[in-house]
PDB file of N, CA and C in Angstrom:
ATOM      1  N   UNK A   1      -4.160  19.714  21.080  1.00  0.00           N
ATOM      2  CA  UNK A   1      -4.221  20.602  19.946  1.00  0.00           C
ATOM      3  C   UNK A   1      -3.735  21.997  20.326  1.00  0.00           C
ATOM      4  N   UNK A   2      -4.203  22.496  21.467  1.00  0.00           N
ATOM      5  CA  UNK A   2      -3.796  23.841  21.875  1.00  0.00           C
ATOM      6  C   UNK A   2      -2.289  23.921  22.061  1.00  0.00           C
ATOM      7  N   UNK A   3      -1.690  22.844  22.557  1.00  0.00           N
ATOM      8  CA  UNK A   3      -0.243  22.854  22.763  1.00  0.00           C
ATOM      9  C   UNK A   3       0.513  23.031  21.450  1.00  0.00           C
ATOM     10  N   UNK A   4      -0.087  22.610  20.354  1.00  0.00           N
ATOM     11  CA  UNK A   4       0.576  22.737  19.061  1.00  0.00           C
ATOM     12  C   UNK A   4       0.502  24.150  18.502  1.00  0.00           C
ATOM     13  N   UNK A   5      -0.375  24.965  19.030  1.00  0.00           N
ATOM     14  CA  UNK A   5      -0.514  26.334  18.555  1.00  0.00           C
ATOM     15  C   UNK A   5       0.409  27.262  19.324  1.00  0.00           C
ATOM     16  N   UNK A   6       0.864  28.277  18.684  1.00  0.00           N
ATOM     17  CA  UNK A   6       1.628  29.298  19.382  1.00  0.00           C
ATOM     18  C   UNK A   6       0.696  30.042  20.326  1.00  0.00           C
ATOM     19  N   UNK A   7       1.222  30.547  21.411  1.00  0.00           N
ATOM     20  CA  UNK A   7       0.411  31.247  22.412  1.00  0.00           C
ATOM     21  C   UNK A   7      -0.369  32.403  21.790  1.00  0.00           C
ATOM     22  N   UNK A   8       0.228  33.142  20.901  1.00  0.00           N
ATOM     23  CA  UNK A   8      -0.459  34.280  20.280  1.00  0.00           C
ATOM     24  C   UNK A   8      -1.653  33.816  19.453  1.00  0.00           C
ATOM     25  N   UNK A   9      -1.512  32.699  18.759  1.00  0.00           N
ATOM     26  CA  UNK A   9      -2.618  32.181  17.954  1.00  0.00           C
ATOM     27  C   UNK A   9      -3.771  31.747  18.850  1.00  0.00           C
ATOM     28  N   UNK A  10      -3.468  31.100  19.950  1.00  0.00           N
ATOM     29  CA  UNK A  10      -4.505  30.663  20.875  1.00  0.00           C
ATOM     30  C   UNK A  10      -5.321  31.855  21.362  1.00  0.00           C
ATOM     31  N   UNK A  11      -4.663  32.936  21.694  1.00  0.00           N
ATOM     32  CA  UNK A  11      -5.349  34.131  22.159  1.00  0.00           C
ATOM     33  C   UNK A  11      -6.182  34.818  21.092  1.00  0.00           C
ATOM     34  N   UNK A  12      -5.864  34.582  19.843  1.00  0.00           N
ATOM     35  CA  UNK A  12      -6.617  35.205  18.748  1.00  0.00           C
ATOM     36  C   UNK A  12      -7.856  34.422  18.357  1.00  0.00           C
ATOM     37  N   UNK A  13      -7.813  33.106  18.522  1.00  0.00           N
ATOM     38  CA  UNK A  13      -8.959  32.298  18.103  1.00  0.00           C
ATOM     39  C   UNK A  13      -9.864  31.912  19.260  1.00  0.00           C
ATOM     40  N   UNK A  14      -9.449  32.185  20.469  1.00  0.00           N
ATOM     41  CA  UNK A  14     -10.260  31.820  21.625  1.00  0.00           C
ATOM     42  C   UNK A  14     -10.186  32.879  22.708  1.00  0.00           C
ATOM     43  N   UNK A  15     -11.100  32.789  23.638  1.00  0.00           N
ATOM     44  CA  UNK A  15     -11.069  33.660  24.812  1.00  0.00           C
ATOM     45  C   UNK A  15     -10.366  32.884  25.900  1.00  0.00           C
ATOM     46  N   UNK A  16      -9.124  33.241  26.152  1.00  0.00           N
ATOM     47  CA  UNK A  16      -8.281  32.496  27.062  1.00  0.00           C
ATOM     48  C   UNK A  16      -7.774  33.437  28.133  1.00  0.00           C
ATOM     49  N   UNK A  17      -7.855  33.013  29.395  1.00  0.00           N
ATOM     50  CA  UNK A  17      -7.294  33.815  30.473  1.00  0.00           C
ATOM     51  C   UNK A  17      -8.201  33.863  31.682  1.00  0.00           C
ATOM     52  N   UNK A  18      -7.868  34.766  32.560  1.00  0.00           N
ATOM     53  CA  UNK A  18      -8.646  34.956  33.783  1.00  0.00           C
ATOM     54  C   UNK A  18     -10.018  35.534  33.450  1.00  0.00           C
ATOM     55  N   UNK A  19     -10.944  35.412  34.392  1.00  0.00           N
ATOM     56  CA  UNK A  19     -12.320  35.873  34.168  1.00  0.00           C
ATOM     57  C   UNK A  19     -12.363  37.327  33.707  1.00  0.00           C
ATOM     58  N   UNK A  20     -11.566  38.189  34.304  1.00  0.00           N
ATOM     59  CA  UNK A  20     -11.557  39.599  33.912  1.00  0.00           C
ATOM     60  C   UNK A  20     -11.080  39.801  32.489  1.00  0.00           C
ATOM     61  N   UNK A  21     -10.077  39.045  32.085  1.00  0.00           N
ATOM     62  CA  UNK A  21      -9.552  39.132  30.725  1.00  0.00           C
ATOM     63  C   UNK A  21     -10.604  38.690  29.718  1.00  0.00           C
ATOM     64  N   UNK A  22     -11.255  37.567  30.007  1.00  0.00           N
ATOM     65  CA  UNK A  22     -12.304  37.064  29.118  1.00  0.00           C
ATOM     66  C   UNK A  22     -13.460  38.058  29.063  1.00  0.00           C
ATOM     67  N   UNK A  23     -13.836  38.612  30.203  1.00  0.00           N
ATOM     68  CA  UNK A  23     -14.909  39.608  30.239  1.00  0.00           C
ATOM     69  C   UNK A  23     -14.580  40.836  29.409  1.00  0.00           C
ATOM     70  N   UNK A  24     -13.338  41.296  29.513  1.00  0.00           N
ATOM     71  CA  UNK A  24     -12.912  42.456  28.717  1.00  0.00           C
ATOM     72  C   UNK A  24     -12.977  42.156  27.222  1.00  0.00           C
ATOM     73  N   UNK A  25     -12.550  40.952  26.833  1.00  0.00           N
ATOM     74  CA  UNK A  25     -12.595  40.574  25.414  1.00  0.00           C
ATOM     75  C   UNK A  25     -14.031  40.469  24.928  1.00  0.00           C
ATOM     76  N   UNK A  26     -14.921  39.880  25.749  1.00  0.00           N
ATOM     77  CA  UNK A  26     -16.334  39.797  25.374  1.00  0.00           C
ATOM     78  C   UNK A  26     -16.927  41.195  25.208  1.00  0.00           C
ATOM     79  N   UNK A  27     -16.584  42.096  26.119  1.00  0.00           N
ATOM     80  CA  UNK A  27     -17.084  43.476  26.034  1.00  0.00           C
ATOM     81  C   UNK A  27     -16.570  44.152  24.764  1.00  0.00           C
ATOM     82  N   UNK A  28     -15.319  43.917  24.407  1.00  0.00           N
ATOM     83  CA  UNK A  28     -14.759  44.511  23.187  1.00  0.00           C
ATOM     84  C   UNK A  28     -15.487  43.978  21.949  1.00  0.00           C
ATOM     85  N   UNK A  29     -15.780  42.683  21.945  1.00  0.00           N
ATOM     86  CA  UNK A  29     -16.542  42.117  20.834  1.00  0.00           C
ATOM     87  C   UNK A  29     -17.934  42.749  20.763  1.00  0.00           C
ATOM     88  N   UNK A  30     -18.584  42.901  21.901  1.00  0.00           N
ATOM     89  CA  UNK A  30     -19.921  43.516  21.936  1.00  0.00           C
ATOM     90  C   UNK A  30     -19.859  44.952  21.426  1.00  0.00           C
ATOM     91  N   UNK A  31     -18.835  45.697  21.852  1.00  0.00           N
ATOM     92  CA  UNK A  31     -18.668  47.079  21.380  1.00  0.00           C
ATOM     93  C   UNK A  31     -18.458  47.138  19.867  1.00  0.00           C
ATOM     94  N   UNK A  32     -17.879  46.083  19.313  1.00  0.00           N
ATOM     95  CA  UNK A  32     -17.624  46.030  17.871  1.00  0.00           C
ATOM     96  C   UNK A  32     -18.843  45.534  17.089  1.00  0.00           C
ATOM     97  N   UNK A  33     -19.927  45.200  17.811  1.00  0.00           N
ATOM     98  CA  UNK A  33     -21.148  44.795  17.127  1.00  0.00           C
ATOM     99  C   UNK A  33     -21.540  43.339  17.275  1.00  0.00           C
ATOM    100  N   UNK A  34     -20.731  42.538  17.947  1.00  0.00           N
ATOM    101  CA  UNK A  34     -21.087  41.140  18.156  1.00  0.00           C
ATOM    102  C   UNK A  34     -22.301  41.059  19.058  1.00  0.00           C
ATOM    103  N   UNK A  35     -23.298  40.300  18.649  1.00  0.00           N
ATOM    104  CA  UNK A  35     -24.483  40.172  19.500  1.00  0.00           C
ATOM    105  C   UNK A  35     -24.705  38.749  19.981  1.00  0.00           C
ATOM    106  N   UNK A  36     -23.843  37.824  19.591  1.00  0.00           N
ATOM    107  CA  UNK A  36     -23.966  36.446  20.050  1.00  0.00           C
ATOM    108  C   UNK A  36     -22.594  35.784  20.020  1.00  0.00           C
ATOM    109  N   UNK A  37     -22.267  35.069  21.081  1.00  0.00           N
ATOM    110  CA  UNK A  37     -21.007  34.339  21.145  1.00  0.00           C
ATOM    111  C   UNK A  37     -21.321  32.890  21.502  1.00  0.00           C
ATOM    112  N   UNK A  38     -20.523  31.983  21.001  1.00  0.00           N
ATOM    113  CA  UNK A  38     -20.659  30.566  21.309  1.00  0.00           C
ATOM    114  C   UNK A  38     -19.496  30.190  22.208  1.00  0.00           C
ATOM    115  N   UNK A  39     -19.815  29.617  23.353  1.00  0.00           N
ATOM    116  CA  UNK A  39     -18.785  29.220  24.308  1.00  0.00           C
ATOM    117  C   UNK A  39     -18.718  27.706  24.393  1.00  0.00           C
ATOM    118  N   UNK A  40     -17.539  27.165  24.155  1.00  0.00           N
ATOM    119  CA  UNK A  40     -17.311  25.734  24.264  1.00  0.00           C
ATOM    120  C   UNK A  40     -16.043  25.558  25.103  1.00  0.00           C
ATOM    121  N   UNK A  41     -16.209  25.262  26.391  1.00  0.00           N
ATOM    122  CA  UNK A  41     -15.018  25.109  27.220  1.00  0.00           C
ATOM    123  C   UNK A  41     -14.213  23.888  26.783  1.00  0.00           C
ATOM    124  N   UNK A  42     -12.912  23.989  26.880  1.00  0.00           N
ATOM    125  CA  UNK A  42     -12.025  22.890  26.502  1.00  0.00           C
ATOM    126  C   UNK A  42     -12.183  21.701  27.434  1.00  0.00           C
ATOM    127  N   UNK A  43     -12.910  21.884  28.504  1.00  0.00           N
ATOM    128  CA  UNK A  43     -13.066  20.830  29.503  1.00  0.00           C
ATOM    129  C   UNK A  43     -14.435  20.162  29.395  1.00  0.00           C
ATOM    130  N   UNK A  44     -15.011  20.092  28.189  1.00  0.00           N
ATOM    131  CA  UNK A  44     -16.316  19.467  28.005  1.00  0.00           C
ATOM    132  C   UNK A  44     -16.343  18.069  28.611  1.00  0.00           C
ATOM    133  N   UNK A  45     -17.432  17.729  29.284  1.00  0.00           N
ATOM    134  CA  UNK A  45     -17.543  16.438  29.945  1.00  0.00           C
ATOM    135  C   UNK A  45     -16.860  16.397  31.298  1.00  0.00           C
ATOM    136  N   UNK A  46     -16.360  17.500  31.738  1.00  0.00           N
ATOM    137  CA  UNK A  46     -15.629  17.609  32.998  1.00  0.00           C
ATOM    138  C   UNK A  46     -16.342  18.664  33.838  1.00  0.00           C
ATOM    139  N   UNK A  47     -16.427  18.474  35.167  1.00  0.00           N
ATOM    140  CA  UNK A  47     -17.054  19.504  35.996  1.00  0.00           C
ATOM    141  C   UNK A  47     -16.413  20.887  35.811  1.00  0.00           C
ATOM    142  N   UNK A  48     -15.174  20.938  35.370  1.00  0.00           N
ATOM    143  CA  UNK A  48     -14.514  22.211  35.112  1.00  0.00           C
ATOM    144  C   UNK A  48     -15.205  22.990  34.006  1.00  0.00           C
ATOM    145  N   UNK A  49     -15.816  22.285  33.059  1.00  0.00           N
ATOM    146  CA  UNK A  49     -16.549  22.950  31.983  1.00  0.00           C
ATOM    147  C   UNK A  49     -17.724  23.737  32.517  1.00  0.00           C
ATOM    148  N   UNK A  50     -18.457  23.151  33.457  1.00  0.00           N
ATOM    149  CA  UNK A  50     -19.584  23.863  34.065  1.00  0.00           C
ATOM    150  C   UNK A  50     -19.103  25.073  34.844  1.00  0.00           C
ATOM    151  N   UNK A  51     -18.003  24.923  35.562  1.00  0.00           N
ATOM    152  CA  UNK A  51     -17.446  26.071  36.308  1.00  0.00           C
ATOM    153  C   UNK A  51     -17.021  27.172  35.347  1.00  0.00           C
ATOM    154  N   UNK A  52     -16.436  26.800  34.222  1.00  0.00           N
ATOM    155  CA  UNK A  52     -16.012  27.784  33.228  1.00  0.00           C
ATOM    156  C   UNK A  52     -17.198  28.556  32.686  1.00  0.00           C
ATOM    157  N   UNK A  53     -18.239  27.838  32.277  1.00  0.00           N
ATOM    158  CA  UNK A  53     -19.427  28.508  31.730  1.00  0.00           C
ATOM    159  C   UNK A  53     -20.092  29.389  32.772  1.00  0.00           C
ATOM    160  N   UNK A  54     -20.156  28.937  34.021  1.00  0.00           N
ATOM    161  CA  UNK A  54     -20.749  29.735  35.090  1.00  0.00           C
ATOM    162  C   UNK A  54     -19.939  31.009  35.329  1.00  0.00           C
ATOM    163  N   UNK A  55     -18.606  30.896  35.331  1.00  0.00           N
ATOM    164  CA  UNK A  55     -17.759  32.061  35.542  1.00  0.00           C
ATOM    165  C   UNK A  55     -17.917  33.072  34.413  1.00  0.00           C
ATOM    166  N   UNK A  56     -17.984  32.592  33.164  1.00  0.00           N
ATOM    167  CA  UNK A  56     -18.150  33.505  32.035  1.00  0.00           C
ATOM    168  C   UNK A  56     -19.514  34.178  32.106  1.00  0.00           C
ATOM    169  N   UNK A  57     -20.551  33.433  32.466  1.00  0.00           N
ATOM    170  CA  UNK A  57     -21.884  34.006  32.586  1.00  0.00           C
ATOM    171  C   UNK A  57     -21.897  35.109  33.662  1.00  0.00           C
ATOM    172  N   UNK A  58     -21.232  34.866  34.780  1.00  0.00           N
ATOM    173  CA  UNK A  58     -21.153  35.884  35.845  1.00  0.00           C
ATOM    174  C   UNK A  58     -20.412  37.114  35.340  1.00  0.00           C
ATOM    175  N   UNK A  59     -19.294  36.899  34.673  1.00  0.00           N
ATOM    176  CA  UNK A  59     -18.479  37.998  34.161  1.00  0.00           C
ATOM    177  C   UNK A  59     -19.259  38.834  33.157  1.00  0.00           C
ATOM    178  N   UNK A  60     -20.098  38.167  32.353  1.00  0.00           N
ATOM    179  CA  UNK A  60     -20.888  38.874  31.342  1.00  0.00           C
ATOM    180  C   UNK A  60     -22.192  39.429  31.921  1.00  0.00           C
ATOM    181  N   UNK A  61     -22.418  39.224  33.223  1.00  0.00           N
ATOM    182  CA  UNK A  61     -23.632  39.727  33.859  1.00  0.00           C
ATOM    183  C   UNK A  61     -24.869  38.923  33.528  1.00  0.00           C
ATOM    184  N   UNK A  62     -24.696  37.658  33.174  1.00  0.00           N
ATOM    185  CA  UNK A  62     -25.820  36.814  32.800  1.00  0.00           C
ATOM    186  C   UNK A  62     -26.260  35.863  33.913  1.00  0.00           C
ATOM    187  N   UNK A  63     -25.522  35.834  34.998  1.00  0.00           N
ATOM    188  CA  UNK A  63     -25.874  34.923  36.105  1.00  0.00           C
ATOM    189  C   UNK A  63     -25.910  35.680  37.406  1.00  0.00           C
TER     190      UNK A  63
END
């Protein structure tokens, strides 16, 4: 599905990129008033999904 989307669209509907990029986007959302985000890694059912969630939690200061 992601391959069918243009790169710009993917970046607008999801947090995509390196840990620092995702952290910066989360911080921008928080600054804009967001108080809750839902994270669903594209690698659900794969050990990579757990690594993704752990990395985002570290970046957001939650782990």
